[in-house]
N, C-alpha and C. Protein backbone atom coordinates (compact mmCIF):
# COMPACT_ATOMS: atom_id res chain seq x y z
N MET A 1 36.36 121.78 153.52
CA MET A 1 37.71 121.59 153.09
C MET A 1 38.42 120.66 154.03
N ASN A 2 39.35 119.99 153.48
CA ASN A 2 40.14 119.07 154.30
C ASN A 2 41.30 119.84 154.91
N ALA A 3 41.47 119.68 156.14
CA ALA A 3 42.58 120.31 156.83
C ALA A 3 43.80 119.41 156.75
N ILE A 4 44.98 120.01 156.58
CA ILE A 4 46.22 119.25 156.48
C ILE A 4 46.74 119.05 157.89
N THR A 5 47.03 117.82 158.18
CA THR A 5 47.56 117.50 159.50
C THR A 5 49.07 117.79 159.50
N PRO A 6 49.66 117.99 160.66
CA PRO A 6 51.11 118.23 160.72
C PRO A 6 51.93 117.09 160.11
N GLU A 7 51.46 115.86 160.23
CA GLU A 7 52.20 114.73 159.63
C GLU A 7 52.19 114.82 158.11
N GLN A 8 51.02 115.19 157.54
CA GLN A 8 50.92 115.33 156.09
C GLN A 8 51.79 116.49 155.60
N LEU A 9 51.81 117.57 156.38
CA LEU A 9 52.64 118.72 156.02
C LEU A 9 54.12 118.35 156.01
N LYS A 10 54.56 117.58 157.02
CA LYS A 10 55.96 117.12 157.07
C LYS A 10 56.28 116.23 155.87
N ALA A 11 55.38 115.32 155.54
CA ALA A 11 55.61 114.41 154.42
C ALA A 11 55.69 115.19 153.10
N ARG A 12 54.79 116.18 152.94
CA ARG A 12 54.80 116.98 151.72
C ARG A 12 56.10 117.78 151.60
N ASN A 13 56.53 118.41 152.69
CA ASN A 13 57.77 119.19 152.68
C ASN A 13 58.99 118.30 152.44
N ARG A 14 58.99 117.12 153.05
CA ARG A 14 60.11 116.19 152.86
C ARG A 14 60.18 115.77 151.39
N GLY A 15 59.04 115.51 150.77
CA GLY A 15 59.00 115.15 149.35
C GLY A 15 59.51 116.28 148.47
N ARG A 16 59.14 117.51 148.82
CA ARG A 16 59.60 118.66 148.04
C ARG A 16 61.11 118.84 148.18
N TRP A 17 61.63 118.70 149.40
CA TRP A 17 63.07 118.85 149.61
C TRP A 17 63.85 117.74 148.90
N THR A 18 63.28 116.56 148.87
CA THR A 18 63.94 115.46 148.15
C THR A 18 64.01 115.79 146.65
N LEU A 19 62.92 116.32 146.12
CA LEU A 19 62.88 116.69 144.71
C LEU A 19 63.88 117.82 144.42
N VAL A 20 63.94 118.81 145.28
CA VAL A 20 64.90 119.92 145.11
C VAL A 20 66.33 119.39 145.19
N ALA A 21 66.60 118.47 146.11
CA ALA A 21 67.94 117.89 146.24
C ALA A 21 68.33 117.11 144.99
N LEU A 22 67.39 116.35 144.42
CA LEU A 22 67.68 115.60 143.20
C LEU A 22 67.97 116.55 142.03
N PHE A 23 67.16 117.60 141.89
CA PHE A 23 67.43 118.59 140.85
C PHE A 23 68.79 119.24 141.06
N GLY A 24 69.09 119.61 142.29
CA GLY A 24 70.38 120.24 142.59
C GLY A 24 71.54 119.33 142.29
N LEU A 25 71.40 118.06 142.63
CA LEU A 25 72.46 117.09 142.37
C LEU A 25 72.70 116.93 140.87
N PHE A 26 71.61 116.79 140.11
CA PHE A 26 71.73 116.61 138.67
C PHE A 26 72.32 117.85 138.00
N PHE A 27 71.71 119.00 138.22
CA PHE A 27 72.18 120.22 137.56
C PHE A 27 73.53 120.69 138.09
N GLY A 28 73.84 120.37 139.35
CA GLY A 28 75.16 120.69 139.89
C GLY A 28 76.25 119.89 139.18
N ALA A 29 75.97 118.60 138.93
CA ALA A 29 76.94 117.76 138.22
C ALA A 29 77.13 118.26 136.79
N VAL A 30 76.04 118.66 136.14
CA VAL A 30 76.13 119.18 134.78
C VAL A 30 76.94 120.48 134.76
N ALA A 31 76.68 121.35 135.73
CA ALA A 31 77.42 122.62 135.80
C ALA A 31 78.90 122.38 136.06
N LEU A 32 79.22 121.46 136.97
CA LEU A 32 80.62 121.13 137.26
C LEU A 32 81.31 120.56 136.02
N ALA A 33 80.63 119.67 135.30
CA ALA A 33 81.21 119.10 134.08
C ALA A 33 81.46 120.20 133.04
N GLY A 34 80.53 121.14 132.92
CA GLY A 34 80.71 122.24 131.98
C GLY A 34 81.89 123.12 132.34
N VAL A 35 82.03 123.42 133.63
CA VAL A 35 83.15 124.25 134.08
C VAL A 35 84.47 123.54 133.80
N LEU A 36 84.55 122.25 134.12
CA LEU A 36 85.79 121.50 133.87
C LEU A 36 86.09 121.41 132.38
N ARG A 37 85.07 121.19 131.58
CA ARG A 37 85.26 121.04 130.13
C ARG A 37 85.78 122.34 129.51
N PHE A 38 85.16 123.45 129.86
CA PHE A 38 85.52 124.71 129.22
C PHE A 38 86.74 125.37 129.85
N SER A 39 87.20 124.83 130.98
CA SER A 39 88.45 125.35 131.55
C SER A 39 89.66 124.62 130.97
N GLY A 40 89.40 123.56 130.17
CA GLY A 40 90.49 122.85 129.51
C GLY A 40 91.00 121.64 130.26
N TRP A 41 90.39 121.28 131.36
CA TRP A 41 90.85 120.14 132.14
C TRP A 41 90.45 118.85 131.43
N GLU A 42 91.38 117.89 131.43
CA GLU A 42 91.10 116.56 130.90
C GLU A 42 91.64 115.53 131.86
N PRO A 43 90.97 114.39 131.98
CA PRO A 43 91.53 113.33 132.81
C PRO A 43 92.85 112.85 132.23
N ALA A 44 93.75 112.41 133.09
CA ALA A 44 95.08 111.97 132.64
C ALA A 44 94.99 110.82 131.66
N ALA A 45 93.98 109.98 131.78
CA ALA A 45 93.85 108.82 130.89
C ALA A 45 93.50 109.24 129.47
N HIS A 46 92.98 110.44 129.27
CA HIS A 46 92.58 110.87 127.94
C HIS A 46 93.60 111.77 127.27
N ARG A 47 94.68 112.06 127.94
CA ARG A 47 95.71 112.92 127.36
C ARG A 47 96.68 112.10 126.53
N ASN A 48 97.14 112.70 125.46
CA ASN A 48 98.16 112.02 124.67
C ASN A 48 99.53 112.36 125.25
N THR A 49 100.48 111.47 125.01
CA THR A 49 101.83 111.65 125.53
C THR A 49 102.65 112.56 124.64
N GLY A 50 102.48 112.40 123.34
CA GLY A 50 103.23 113.24 122.40
C GLY A 50 102.67 114.64 122.32
N GLN A 51 103.44 115.52 121.72
CA GLN A 51 103.03 116.91 121.55
C GLN A 51 102.16 117.00 120.30
N MET A 52 100.91 117.42 120.47
CA MET A 52 99.99 117.56 119.34
C MET A 52 100.44 118.74 118.48
N ILE A 53 100.49 118.54 117.19
CA ILE A 53 100.88 119.61 116.27
C ILE A 53 99.60 120.27 115.78
N GLU A 54 99.41 121.52 116.15
CA GLU A 54 98.22 122.28 115.77
C GLU A 54 98.63 123.49 114.96
N PRO A 55 98.12 123.74 113.81
CA PRO A 55 97.29 122.83 113.03
C PRO A 55 98.14 121.68 112.50
N HIS A 56 97.46 120.60 112.15
CA HIS A 56 98.18 119.44 111.65
C HIS A 56 98.97 119.82 110.39
N LEU A 57 100.16 119.28 110.29
CA LEU A 57 101.07 119.62 109.19
C LEU A 57 100.77 118.74 107.98
N ASP A 58 100.39 119.36 106.89
CA ASP A 58 100.05 118.64 105.66
C ASP A 58 101.32 118.41 104.85
N VAL A 59 101.75 117.15 104.73
CA VAL A 59 102.96 116.83 103.96
C VAL A 59 102.63 116.06 102.68
N ARG A 60 101.36 116.09 102.27
CA ARG A 60 100.97 115.38 101.05
C ARG A 60 101.66 115.94 99.81
N ALA A 61 102.02 117.21 99.85
CA ALA A 61 102.69 117.83 98.69
C ALA A 61 104.16 117.44 98.61
N LEU A 62 104.66 116.74 99.63
CA LEU A 62 106.06 116.31 99.66
C LEU A 62 106.14 114.79 99.71
N PRO A 63 105.73 114.11 98.64
CA PRO A 63 105.74 112.65 98.68
C PRO A 63 107.17 112.11 98.72
N PRO A 64 107.46 111.28 99.69
CA PRO A 64 108.82 110.73 99.77
C PRO A 64 109.06 109.63 98.74
N THR A 65 110.31 109.28 98.59
CA THR A 65 110.71 108.22 97.68
C THR A 65 111.40 107.14 98.49
N LEU A 66 110.99 105.89 98.25
CA LEU A 66 111.63 104.77 98.94
C LEU A 66 113.09 104.67 98.53
N ALA A 67 113.88 104.01 99.33
CA ALA A 67 115.31 103.85 99.02
C ALA A 67 115.50 103.12 97.69
N SER A 68 114.52 102.30 97.30
CA SER A 68 114.60 101.58 96.03
C SER A 68 114.32 102.47 94.83
N GLY A 69 113.85 103.70 95.07
CA GLY A 69 113.57 104.63 93.98
C GLY A 69 112.09 104.75 93.65
N GLN A 70 111.26 103.89 94.22
CA GLN A 70 109.82 103.95 93.97
C GLN A 70 109.19 105.04 94.83
N PRO A 71 108.15 105.70 94.31
CA PRO A 71 107.48 106.71 95.13
C PRO A 71 106.70 106.05 96.27
N TYR A 72 106.65 106.73 97.39
CA TYR A 72 105.89 106.24 98.55
C TYR A 72 104.63 107.09 98.66
N PRO A 73 103.45 106.49 98.45
CA PRO A 73 102.22 107.28 98.51
C PRO A 73 101.78 107.52 99.96
N TRP A 74 101.42 108.75 100.26
CA TRP A 74 100.90 109.03 101.61
C TRP A 74 99.53 108.38 101.78
N LYS A 75 98.70 108.45 100.75
CA LYS A 75 97.37 107.86 100.85
C LYS A 75 97.40 106.52 100.13
N SER A 76 97.14 105.45 100.88
CA SER A 76 97.19 104.12 100.29
C SER A 76 95.82 103.46 100.42
N GLU A 77 95.71 102.28 99.84
CA GLU A 77 94.45 101.53 99.90
C GLU A 77 94.08 101.20 101.34
N SER A 78 95.05 100.71 102.09
CA SER A 78 94.80 100.37 103.49
C SER A 78 95.11 101.58 104.37
N GLN A 79 94.43 101.66 105.47
CA GLN A 79 94.62 102.77 106.41
C GLN A 79 95.87 102.51 107.24
N VAL A 80 97.01 103.01 106.77
CA VAL A 80 98.29 102.77 107.42
C VAL A 80 98.73 104.03 108.16
N TRP A 81 98.99 103.87 109.45
CA TRP A 81 99.56 104.96 110.25
C TRP A 81 101.07 104.84 110.16
N ARG A 82 101.76 105.96 110.27
CA ARG A 82 103.22 105.93 110.12
C ARG A 82 103.90 106.57 111.31
N ILE A 83 105.02 105.99 111.68
CA ILE A 83 105.93 106.58 112.65
C ILE A 83 107.12 107.05 111.83
N LEU A 84 107.32 108.36 111.77
CA LEU A 84 108.35 108.94 110.92
C LEU A 84 109.54 109.36 111.76
N VAL A 85 110.72 108.91 111.33
CA VAL A 85 111.98 109.28 111.99
C VAL A 85 112.82 110.01 110.95
N ALA A 86 113.26 111.22 111.30
CA ALA A 86 114.08 112.03 110.39
C ALA A 86 115.37 112.41 111.10
N PRO A 87 116.30 111.45 111.24
CA PRO A 87 117.53 111.74 111.99
C PRO A 87 118.46 112.67 111.23
N ALA A 88 119.28 113.34 111.98
CA ALA A 88 120.31 114.20 111.37
C ALA A 88 121.38 113.30 110.75
N PRO A 89 122.04 113.76 109.71
CA PRO A 89 123.13 112.96 109.13
C PRO A 89 124.20 112.69 110.19
N GLY A 90 124.71 111.48 110.19
CA GLY A 90 125.76 111.12 111.15
C GLY A 90 125.23 110.62 112.47
N CYS A 91 123.94 110.37 112.56
CA CYS A 91 123.36 109.82 113.79
C CYS A 91 123.85 108.38 113.93
N ALA A 92 124.46 108.05 115.05
CA ALA A 92 125.09 106.73 115.18
C ALA A 92 124.42 105.90 116.27
N ALA A 93 125.02 105.84 117.44
CA ALA A 93 124.54 104.97 118.52
C ALA A 93 123.13 105.32 118.95
N GLU A 94 122.82 106.60 118.98
CA GLU A 94 121.47 107.02 119.39
C GLU A 94 120.42 106.47 118.42
N CYS A 95 120.74 106.48 117.12
CA CYS A 95 119.80 106.00 116.11
C CYS A 95 119.62 104.48 116.19
N VAL A 96 120.67 103.78 116.53
CA VAL A 96 120.56 102.32 116.69
C VAL A 96 119.60 102.02 117.84
N THR A 97 119.78 102.70 118.96
CA THR A 97 118.90 102.49 120.11
C THR A 97 117.47 102.87 119.78
N LEU A 98 117.28 104.01 119.12
CA LEU A 98 115.94 104.47 118.75
C LEU A 98 115.28 103.48 117.81
N SER A 99 116.01 102.99 116.83
CA SER A 99 115.42 102.05 115.87
C SER A 99 115.04 100.74 116.54
N GLN A 100 115.85 100.26 117.46
CA GLN A 100 115.51 99.03 118.18
C GLN A 100 114.30 99.24 119.07
N ASP A 101 114.22 100.42 119.70
CA ASP A 101 113.06 100.72 120.54
C ASP A 101 111.78 100.81 119.71
N LEU A 102 111.86 101.42 118.54
CA LEU A 102 110.68 101.51 117.68
C LEU A 102 110.27 100.13 117.17
N ALA A 103 111.24 99.26 116.94
CA ALA A 103 110.92 97.89 116.53
C ALA A 103 110.15 97.18 117.64
N LYS A 104 110.53 97.40 118.90
CA LYS A 104 109.81 96.80 120.03
C LYS A 104 108.38 97.34 120.10
N VAL A 105 108.24 98.65 119.94
CA VAL A 105 106.90 99.25 119.98
C VAL A 105 106.04 98.67 118.88
N TRP A 106 106.59 98.55 117.68
CA TRP A 106 105.83 98.00 116.56
C TRP A 106 105.37 96.58 116.86
N GLN A 107 106.24 95.77 117.44
CA GLN A 107 105.87 94.39 117.75
C GLN A 107 104.78 94.32 118.81
N LEU A 108 104.73 95.30 119.70
CA LEU A 108 103.71 95.32 120.75
C LEU A 108 102.31 95.64 120.22
N PHE A 109 102.21 96.10 118.98
CA PHE A 109 100.89 96.37 118.41
C PHE A 109 100.13 95.08 118.10
N GLY A 110 100.84 93.95 118.06
CA GLY A 110 100.18 92.67 117.84
C GLY A 110 99.49 92.60 116.49
N HIS A 111 98.20 92.22 116.51
CA HIS A 111 97.47 92.05 115.25
C HIS A 111 97.25 93.37 114.51
N ARG A 112 97.44 94.48 115.17
CA ARG A 112 97.30 95.78 114.50
C ARG A 112 98.62 96.28 113.92
N ALA A 113 99.68 95.52 114.06
CA ALA A 113 100.99 95.95 113.57
C ALA A 113 101.01 96.11 112.06
N ASP A 114 100.14 95.41 111.36
CA ASP A 114 100.08 95.55 109.90
C ASP A 114 99.60 96.93 109.47
N ASN A 115 98.98 97.66 110.39
CA ASN A 115 98.45 98.99 110.09
C ASN A 115 99.43 100.10 110.45
N VAL A 116 100.67 99.74 110.79
CA VAL A 116 101.67 100.73 111.19
C VAL A 116 102.95 100.48 110.40
N GLU A 117 103.53 101.54 109.87
CA GLU A 117 104.82 101.46 109.21
C GLU A 117 105.77 102.44 109.87
N ILE A 118 107.03 102.09 109.90
CA ILE A 118 108.07 102.98 110.42
C ILE A 118 108.83 103.53 109.22
N LEU A 119 108.74 104.83 109.02
CA LEU A 119 109.44 105.48 107.91
C LEU A 119 110.73 106.08 108.43
N TRP A 120 111.84 105.73 107.80
CA TRP A 120 113.15 106.22 108.21
C TRP A 120 113.69 107.08 107.08
N LEU A 121 113.78 108.37 107.32
CA LEU A 121 114.26 109.31 106.31
C LEU A 121 115.78 109.24 106.27
N GLY A 122 116.31 108.53 105.28
CA GLY A 122 117.75 108.29 105.18
C GLY A 122 118.02 106.80 105.35
N THR A 123 119.26 106.44 105.58
CA THR A 123 119.64 105.04 105.72
C THR A 123 119.47 104.60 107.17
N PRO A 124 118.62 103.60 107.41
CA PRO A 124 118.44 103.13 108.79
C PRO A 124 119.63 102.30 109.25
N PRO A 125 119.79 102.15 110.56
CA PRO A 125 120.87 101.31 111.07
C PRO A 125 120.71 99.87 110.59
N ALA A 126 121.82 99.21 110.38
CA ALA A 126 121.81 97.83 109.87
C ALA A 126 121.10 96.88 110.83
N GLU A 127 121.09 97.20 112.13
CA GLU A 127 120.49 96.32 113.13
C GLU A 127 118.99 96.12 112.95
N VAL A 128 118.31 97.02 112.27
CA VAL A 128 116.85 96.89 112.12
C VAL A 128 116.40 96.83 110.66
N GLN A 129 117.30 96.68 109.74
CA GLN A 129 116.90 96.71 108.34
C GLN A 129 116.03 95.52 107.95
N GLY A 130 115.97 94.48 108.75
CA GLY A 130 115.12 93.34 108.45
C GLY A 130 113.72 93.46 109.02
N LEU A 131 113.42 94.52 109.72
CA LEU A 131 112.10 94.71 110.33
C LEU A 131 111.05 94.87 109.23
N PRO A 132 109.97 94.07 109.26
CA PRO A 132 108.97 94.13 108.18
C PRO A 132 108.30 95.49 108.02
N ALA A 133 108.14 96.24 109.10
CA ALA A 133 107.42 97.52 109.03
C ALA A 133 108.32 98.67 108.60
N LEU A 134 109.61 98.46 108.54
CA LEU A 134 110.54 99.55 108.24
C LEU A 134 110.55 99.87 106.75
N ARG A 135 110.34 101.14 106.44
CA ARG A 135 110.42 101.62 105.06
C ARG A 135 111.51 102.68 105.03
N ALA A 136 112.63 102.33 104.41
CA ALA A 136 113.73 103.29 104.28
C ALA A 136 113.41 104.25 103.14
N LEU A 137 113.50 105.53 103.43
CA LEU A 137 113.23 106.57 102.44
C LEU A 137 114.53 107.25 102.03
N GLN A 138 114.56 107.73 100.81
CA GLN A 138 115.72 108.50 100.38
C GLN A 138 115.74 109.81 101.16
N PRO A 139 116.93 110.34 101.43
CA PRO A 139 116.98 111.63 102.13
C PRO A 139 116.21 112.69 101.34
N GLN A 140 115.37 113.41 102.04
CA GLN A 140 114.55 114.44 101.39
C GLN A 140 114.60 115.70 102.25
N PRO A 141 115.54 116.60 101.95
CA PRO A 141 115.71 117.80 102.78
C PRO A 141 114.45 118.66 102.88
N GLU A 142 113.62 118.68 101.82
CA GLU A 142 112.40 119.49 101.86
C GLU A 142 111.44 118.98 102.92
N LEU A 143 111.26 117.67 102.98
CA LEU A 143 110.37 117.08 103.98
C LEU A 143 110.94 117.28 105.38
N ARG A 144 112.22 117.05 105.52
CA ARG A 144 112.86 117.19 106.83
C ARG A 144 112.77 118.63 107.33
N ALA A 145 112.84 119.59 106.41
CA ALA A 145 112.84 121.01 106.80
C ALA A 145 111.49 121.46 107.34
N VAL A 146 110.38 120.85 106.90
CA VAL A 146 109.06 121.31 107.36
C VAL A 146 108.65 120.67 108.69
N LEU A 147 109.35 119.64 109.12
CA LEU A 147 108.99 118.99 110.38
C LEU A 147 109.38 119.89 111.56
N PRO A 148 108.45 120.17 112.46
CA PRO A 148 108.75 121.07 113.58
C PRO A 148 109.72 120.44 114.58
N GLY A 149 110.74 121.19 114.94
CA GLY A 149 111.69 120.73 115.96
C GLY A 149 112.55 119.57 115.53
N VAL A 150 112.78 119.40 114.24
CA VAL A 150 113.53 118.24 113.75
C VAL A 150 115.00 118.30 114.15
N ASP A 151 115.56 119.48 114.27
CA ASP A 151 116.97 119.62 114.63
C ASP A 151 117.12 119.89 116.12
N ASP A 152 116.45 119.11 116.92
CA ASP A 152 116.51 119.26 118.38
C ASP A 152 117.91 118.89 118.86
N ALA A 153 118.50 119.74 119.67
CA ALA A 153 119.86 119.48 120.16
C ALA A 153 119.92 118.26 121.08
N ALA A 154 118.78 117.88 121.65
CA ALA A 154 118.75 116.75 122.58
C ALA A 154 118.77 115.40 121.86
N GLY A 155 118.48 115.38 120.57
CA GLY A 155 118.49 114.11 119.85
C GLY A 155 117.49 114.11 118.70
N THR A 156 117.03 112.92 118.35
CA THR A 156 116.14 112.74 117.21
C THR A 156 114.70 112.61 117.67
N PRO A 157 113.81 113.51 117.22
CA PRO A 157 112.40 113.36 117.56
C PRO A 157 111.72 112.35 116.63
N VAL A 158 110.54 111.92 117.01
CA VAL A 158 109.75 110.97 116.24
C VAL A 158 108.40 111.62 115.97
N TYR A 159 107.83 111.37 114.79
CA TYR A 159 106.56 111.98 114.39
C TYR A 159 105.55 110.89 114.06
N VAL A 160 104.27 111.19 114.28
CA VAL A 160 103.18 110.29 113.89
C VAL A 160 102.46 110.94 112.72
N VAL A 161 102.32 110.17 111.63
CA VAL A 161 101.67 110.65 110.41
C VAL A 161 100.42 109.81 110.19
N ASP A 162 99.29 110.47 109.96
CA ASP A 162 98.03 109.75 109.77
C ASP A 162 97.96 109.13 108.38
N PRO A 163 96.95 108.31 108.10
CA PRO A 163 96.85 107.64 106.80
C PRO A 163 96.69 108.58 105.60
N ASN A 164 96.34 109.83 105.85
CA ASN A 164 96.14 110.78 104.75
C ASN A 164 97.34 111.67 104.48
N GLY A 165 98.38 111.58 105.29
CA GLY A 165 99.57 112.38 105.06
C GLY A 165 99.65 113.65 105.89
N PHE A 166 99.04 113.65 107.06
CA PHE A 166 99.13 114.79 107.97
C PHE A 166 99.97 114.39 109.18
N VAL A 167 100.92 115.23 109.54
CA VAL A 167 101.73 114.98 110.74
C VAL A 167 100.92 115.47 111.93
N LEU A 168 100.58 114.54 112.83
CA LEU A 168 99.70 114.86 113.95
C LEU A 168 100.45 115.15 115.25
N MET A 169 101.50 114.36 115.51
CA MET A 169 102.16 114.44 116.81
C MET A 169 103.67 114.40 116.66
N ARG A 170 104.33 114.97 117.67
CA ARG A 170 105.79 114.95 117.74
C ARG A 170 106.17 114.43 119.12
N TYR A 171 107.13 113.53 119.13
CA TYR A 171 107.68 113.00 120.38
C TYR A 171 109.10 113.52 120.51
N ALA A 172 109.35 114.25 121.57
CA ALA A 172 110.67 114.85 121.80
C ALA A 172 111.71 113.76 122.02
N PRO A 173 112.97 114.05 121.78
CA PRO A 173 114.03 113.07 122.03
C PRO A 173 113.98 112.57 123.48
N GLY A 174 114.18 111.28 123.65
CA GLY A 174 114.16 110.68 124.98
C GLY A 174 112.76 110.41 125.49
N PHE A 175 111.76 110.36 124.60
CA PHE A 175 110.38 110.13 125.00
C PHE A 175 110.20 108.72 125.57
N GLU A 176 109.09 108.54 126.28
CA GLU A 176 108.74 107.23 126.84
C GLU A 176 108.11 106.38 125.74
N LEU A 177 108.64 105.19 125.54
CA LEU A 177 108.10 104.30 124.51
C LEU A 177 106.67 103.89 124.82
N ALA A 178 106.36 103.72 126.10
CA ALA A 178 105.01 103.33 126.49
C ALA A 178 104.00 104.40 126.08
N GLY A 179 104.40 105.65 126.12
CA GLY A 179 103.52 106.73 125.70
C GLY A 179 103.23 106.69 124.21
N LEU A 180 104.24 106.43 123.41
CA LEU A 180 104.05 106.29 121.96
C LEU A 180 103.14 105.11 121.67
N ARG A 181 103.38 103.99 122.33
CA ARG A 181 102.55 102.82 122.12
C ARG A 181 101.10 103.09 122.50
N LYS A 182 100.89 103.77 123.62
CA LYS A 182 99.53 104.08 124.08
C LYS A 182 98.82 105.01 123.09
N ASP A 183 99.51 106.05 122.65
CA ASP A 183 98.90 106.98 121.70
C ASP A 183 98.60 106.30 120.37
N MET A 184 99.52 105.49 119.89
CA MET A 184 99.30 104.79 118.62
C MET A 184 98.17 103.78 118.74
N ALA A 185 98.08 103.09 119.88
CA ALA A 185 96.99 102.13 120.08
C ALA A 185 95.64 102.85 120.04
N THR A 186 95.58 104.04 120.61
CA THR A 186 94.35 104.83 120.57
C THR A 186 94.03 105.22 119.13
N LEU A 187 95.02 105.66 118.38
CA LEU A 187 94.80 106.07 117.00
C LEU A 187 94.40 104.89 116.11
N LEU A 188 94.96 103.73 116.37
CA LEU A 188 94.63 102.55 115.56
C LEU A 188 93.18 102.12 115.74
N LYS A 189 92.58 102.48 116.86
CA LYS A 189 91.17 102.14 117.10
C LYS A 189 90.24 103.05 116.32
N LEU A 190 90.74 104.16 115.77
CA LEU A 190 89.90 105.14 115.10
C LEU A 190 89.47 104.73 113.70
N LYS A 191 90.05 103.69 113.16
CA LYS A 191 89.75 103.24 111.80
C LYS A 191 88.37 103.64 111.45
């Protein structure tokens, strides 16, 4: 039989410890990822800014009507995302500012702006009535009543509606425009 020299024994043990360390590193990373995933932690870059509405609110049964009297279909040929604003009657200066801010956000979508419409439940401020993405809707109390937190004392919230007619997100009054733009940009990539 061949006798193992001390140098060979050291080399064999070093190789085994290297293999054990590699297994430990790999399975340790997998275990850490599992713990983080199931504890609910998410990186800040993957979080949405708006409040996710769970379960998503189905408003397909409440089709709105455009200000011109034509019905507005929730499901259209093109995949159009909507930013829905349902201000309280008598909204004045706050609504002008909000509408101008939403016009800026819409313009920042660039070539994807054609896939976004801004729905205004009621009469929009005159300052933004020429915006191509703005769709003025007739007041519809039934639709306004089902929106969560619509009568917020702090102001007018904004909602994101998917191409199929589900309300996905709510942005509280005074939200950051950059957050809405970031969330919408992420959703527009989902086509």
